[in-house]
C-alpha atoms as a PDB file:
ATOM      1  CA  UNK A   1      12.009   7.954   6.482  1.00  0.00           C
ATOM      2  CA  UNK A   2      14.662   8.930   8.957  1.00  0.00           C
ATOM      3  CA  UNK A   3      12.835   7.638  12.018  1.00  0.00           C
ATOM      4  CA  UNK A   4      13.135   3.894  12.652  1.00  0.00           C
ATOM      5  CA  UNK A   5       9.949   1.938  12.172  1.00  0.00           C
ATOM      6  CA  UNK A   6       9.412  -1.654  13.241  1.00  0.00           C
ATOM      7  CA  UNK A   7       9.803  -4.277  10.548  1.00  0.00           C
ATOM      8  CA  UNK A   8       6.722  -5.455   8.698  1.00  0.00           C
ATOM      9  CA  UNK A   9       5.469  -9.021   8.864  1.00  0.00           C
ATOM     10  CA  UNK A  10       4.439 -10.809   5.667  1.00  0.00           C
ATOM     11  CA  UNK A  11       0.769 -10.101   6.392  1.00  0.00           C
ATOM     12  CA  UNK A  12       1.492  -6.448   7.170  1.00  0.00           C
ATOM     13  CA  UNK A  13       3.309  -6.162   3.811  1.00  0.00           C
ATOM     14  CA  UNK A  14       0.190  -7.533   2.170  1.00  0.00           C
ATOM     15  CA  UNK A  15      -2.024  -4.973   3.909  1.00  0.00           C
ATOM     16  CA  UNK A  16       0.381  -2.141   3.127  1.00  0.00           C
ATOM     17  CA  UNK A  17       0.482  -3.138  -0.555  1.00  0.00           C
ATOM     18  CA  UNK A  18      -3.297  -2.869  -0.632  1.00  0.00           C
ATOM     19  CA  UNK A  19      -3.185   0.538   1.068  1.00  0.00           C
ATOM     20  CA  UNK A  20      -0.448   1.806  -1.268  1.00  0.00           C
ATOM     21  CA  UNK A  21      -2.492   0.659  -4.250  1.00  0.00           C
ATOM     22  CA  UNK A  22      -5.763   2.170  -3.030  1.00  0.00           C
ATOM     23  CA  UNK A  23      -4.345   5.340  -1.495  1.00  0.00           C
ATOM     24  CA  UNK A  24      -7.124   5.748   1.061  1.00  0.00           C
ATOM     25  CA  UNK A  25      -9.376   2.874   2.105  1.00  0.00           C
ATOM     26  CA  UNK A  26     -11.725   1.799   4.829  1.00  0.00           C
ATOM     27  CA  UNK A  27     -10.991  -1.289   6.892  1.00  0.00           C
ATOM     28  CA  UNK A  28     -13.842  -3.024   5.046  1.00  0.00           C
ATOM     29  CA  UNK A  29     -12.251  -2.294   1.652  1.00  0.00           C
ATOM     30  CA  UNK A  30      -8.885  -3.610   2.790  1.00  0.00           C
ATOM     31  CA  UNK A  31     -10.550  -6.661   4.346  1.00  0.00           C
ATOM     32  CA  UNK A  32     -12.417  -7.491   1.119  1.00  0.00           C
ATOM     33  CA  UNK A  33      -9.202  -7.166  -0.879  1.00  0.00           C
ATOM     34  CA  UNK A  34      -7.352  -9.527   1.490  1.00  0.00           C
ATOM     35  CA  UNK A  35      -9.931 -12.234   0.879  1.00  0.00           C
ATOM     36  CA  UNK A  36      -8.410 -12.735  -2.584  1.00  0.00           C
ATOM     37  CA  UNK A  37      -5.270 -14.211  -1.015  1.00  0.00           C
ATOM     38  CA  UNK A  38      -6.353 -15.643   2.332  1.00  0.00           C
ATOM     39  CA  UNK A  39      -9.454 -15.947   4.436  1.00  0.00           C
ATOM     40  CA  UNK A  40      -9.175 -13.690   7.478  1.00  0.00           C
ATOM     41  CA  UNK A  41     -11.676 -12.234   9.854  1.00  0.00           C
ATOM     42  CA  UNK A  42     -12.687  -8.605   9.475  1.00  0.00           C
ATOM     43  CA  UNK A  43     -11.710  -7.829  13.067  1.00  0.00           C
ATOM     44  CA  UNK A  44      -8.255  -9.360  12.486  1.00  0.00           C
ATOM     45  CA  UNK A  45      -7.681  -7.046   9.523  1.00  0.00           C
ATOM     46  CA  UNK A  46      -8.975  -4.039  11.487  1.00  0.00           C
ATOM     47  CA  UNK A  47      -6.639  -4.852  14.391  1.00  0.00           C
ATOM     48  CA  UNK A  48      -3.670  -5.187  12.029  1.00  0.00           C
ATOM     49  CA  UNK A  49      -4.482  -1.863  10.364  1.00  0.00           C
ATOM     50  CA  UNK A  50      -4.590  -0.216  13.784  1.00  0.00           C
ATOM     51  CA  UNK A  51      -1.201  -1.741  14.609  1.00  0.00           C
ATOM     52  CA  UNK A  52       0.178  -0.296  11.366  1.00  0.00           C
ATOM     53  CA  UNK A  53      -1.059   3.095  12.570  1.00  0.00           C
ATOM     54  CA  UNK A  54       0.809   2.582  15.857  1.00  0.00           C
ATOM     55  CA  UNK A  55       3.930   1.577  13.883  1.00  0.00           C
ATOM     56  CA  UNK A  56       3.481   4.824  11.851  1.00  0.00           C
ATOM     57  CA  UNK A  57       3.111   3.087   8.485  1.00  0.00           C
ATOM     58  CA  UNK A  58      -0.519   4.180   8.174  1.00  0.00           C
ATOM     59  CA  UNK A  59      -2.457   7.252   9.195  1.00  0.00           C
ATOM     60  CA  UNK A  60      -6.161   7.144   9.881  1.00  0.00           C
ATOM     61  CA  UNK A  61      -8.955   9.650  10.024  1.00  0.00           C
ATOM     62  CA  UNK A  62     -12.578   9.390  11.019  1.00  0.00           C
ATOM     63  CA  UNK A  63     -15.111   9.886   8.235  1.00  0.00           C
ATOM     64  CA  UNK A  64     -18.568   9.672   9.764  1.00  0.00           C
ATOM     65  CA  UNK A  65     -18.868   6.285  11.427  1.00  0.00           C
ATOM     66  CA  UNK A  66     -15.859   4.724   9.660  1.00  0.00           C
ATOM     67  CA  UNK A  67     -12.089   5.024   9.848  1.00  0.00           C
ATOM     68  CA  UNK A  68     -10.182   5.672   6.653  1.00  0.00           C
ATOM     69  CA  UNK A  69      -6.597   4.458   6.416  1.00  0.00           C
ATOM     70  CA  UNK A  70      -3.913   5.892   4.175  1.00  0.00           C
ATOM     71  CA  UNK A  71      -0.170   5.298   3.886  1.00  0.00           C
ATOM     72  CA  UNK A  72       1.937   7.529   6.130  1.00  0.00           C
ATOM     73  CA  UNK A  73       5.096   6.529   4.273  1.00  0.00           C
ATOM     74  CA  UNK A  74       5.687   5.767   0.599  1.00  0.00           C
ATOM     75  CA  UNK A  75       6.247   2.278  -0.708  1.00  0.00           C
ATOM     76  CA  UNK A  76       9.564   3.336  -2.234  1.00  0.00           C
ATOM     77  CA  UNK A  77      10.846   4.572   1.146  1.00  0.00           C
ATOM     78  CA  UNK A  78       9.990   1.292   2.850  1.00  0.00           C
ATOM     79  CA  UNK A  79      11.422  -0.774  -0.010  1.00  0.00           C
ATOM     80  CA  UNK A  80      14.671   1.212   0.030  1.00  0.00           C
ATOM     81  CA  UNK A  81      15.072   0.630   3.765  1.00  0.00           C
ATOM     82  CA  UNK A  82      14.302  -3.085   3.455  1.00  0.00           C
ATOM     83  CA  UNK A  83      16.669  -3.564   0.525  1.00  0.00           C
ATOM     84  CA  UNK A  84      19.449  -1.713   2.353  1.00  0.00           C
ATOM     85  CA  UNK A  85      18.867  -3.861   5.417  1.00  0.00           C
ATOM     86  CA  UNK A  86      18.851  -7.078   3.364  1.00  0.00           C
ATOM     87  CA  UNK A  87      22.045  -6.182   1.502  1.00  0.00           C
ATOM     88  CA  UNK A  88      23.772  -5.208   4.735  1.00  0.00           C
ATOM     89  CA  UNK A  89      22.575  -8.089   6.904  1.00  0.00           C
ATOM     90  CA  UNK A  90      22.186 -11.021   4.532  1.00  0.00           C
ATOM     91  CA  UNK A  91      24.561 -10.200   1.687  1.00  0.00           C
ATOM     92  CA  UNK A  92      27.280  -8.596   3.829  1.00  0.00           C
ATOM     93  CA  UNK A  93      27.150  -5.472   1.628  1.00  0.00           C
ATOM     94  CA  UNK A  94      27.865  -7.353  -1.611  1.00  0.00           C
ATOM     95  CA  UNK A  95      25.511  -7.037  -4.560  1.00  0.00           C
ATOM     96  CA  UNK A  96      26.815  -9.786  -6.837  1.00  0.00           C
ATOM     97  CA  UNK A  97      24.675 -12.577  -5.299  1.00  0.00           C
ATOM     98  CA  UNK A  98      21.573 -10.438  -5.762  1.00  0.00           C
ATOM     99  CA  UNK A  99      22.308  -9.736  -9.414  1.00  0.00           C
ATOM    100  CA  UNK A 100      23.275 -13.368 -10.017  1.00  0.00           C
ATOM    101  CA  UNK A 101      19.935 -14.514  -8.633  1.00  0.00           C
ATOM    102  CA  UNK A 102      18.049 -11.986 -10.722  1.00  0.00           C
ATOM    103  CA  UNK A 103      19.883 -13.169 -13.831  1.00  0.00           C
ATOM    104  CA  UNK A 104      18.979 -16.812 -13.050  1.00  0.00           C
ATOM    105  CA  UNK A 105      15.264 -16.137 -12.857  1.00  0.00           C
ATOM    106  CA  UNK A 106      13.489 -17.313 -15.969  1.00  0.00           C
ATOM    107  CA  UNK A 107      10.716 -14.740 -15.668  1.00  0.00           C
ATOM    108  CA  UNK A 108      13.051 -11.739 -15.852  1.00  0.00           C
ATOM    109  CA  UNK A 109      11.508  -9.560 -18.558  1.00  0.00           C
ATOM    110  CA  UNK A 110      13.361  -7.763 -21.321  1.00  0.00           C
ATOM    111  CA  UNK A 111      12.414  -4.493 -19.608  1.00  0.00           C
ATOM    112  CA  UNK A 112      13.916  -5.730 -16.320  1.00  0.00           C
ATOM    113  CA  UNK A 113      17.160  -6.670 -18.067  1.00  0.00           C
ATOM    114  CA  UNK A 114      17.350  -3.302 -19.809  1.00  0.00           C
ATOM    115  CA  UNK A 115      16.692  -1.480 -16.517  1.00  0.00           C
ATOM    116  CA  UNK A 116      19.514  -3.422 -14.833  1.00  0.00           C
ATOM    117  CA  UNK A 117      21.879  -2.660 -17.717  1.00  0.00           C
ATOM    118  CA  UNK A 118      20.992   1.018 -17.484  1.00  0.00           C
ATOM    119  CA  UNK A 119      21.642   1.081 -13.733  1.00  0.00           C
ATOM    120  CA  UNK A 120      25.022  -0.599 -14.172  1.00  0.00           C
ATOM    121  CA  UNK A 121      25.898   1.808 -16.984  1.00  0.00           C
ATOM    122  CA  UNK A 122      24.984   4.822 -14.835  1.00  0.00           C
ATOM    123  CA  UNK A 123      27.052   3.429 -11.969  1.00  0.00           C
ATOM    124  CA  UNK A 124      30.057   2.929 -14.247  1.00  0.00           C
ATOM    125  CA  UNK A 125      29.749   6.516 -15.512  1.00  0.00           C
ATOM    126  CA  UNK A 126      29.811   7.831 -11.938  1.00  0.00           C
ATOM    127  CA  UNK A 127      32.993   5.910 -11.106  1.00  0.00           C
END
C-alpha cells in the first residue's frame, strides 16, 4: 500500500471489517450486518461504502441492478500502516508502552503471550 489513503473513521473501520470478513458483499448485506452494532439507515451505509470506494479502500462492480463491494486493500496492509502511524505519532517510536499495556490486559490469552514471546525471540536472534 505505497499510495497514501485517507485515515478511516471508527464507522469506516466497522464497514471495512465487514467487507474483509465477507470478501464481496452488496450494500444491503453490509447494512444488515451493521445493524448488529448500531442502527443506521441503509442510505447512510451505501453512502459510506461509496466514500470508501473514493478513498480506494473498496472496489465496486455492477452485478445486474446491484453494486457489489470488495476490499481493494488487505486488512493486514491497513493495520500495518495504522500501527506504524500510532507508534510513530503517539508512542514517539518506542514500543515499551505498547507491550506494557498488552501485558496489563487481563484478557491476554496464552496464545497471545506465546506469540509475543516468539516475536521478541525472533527479534533478539536478528540482533
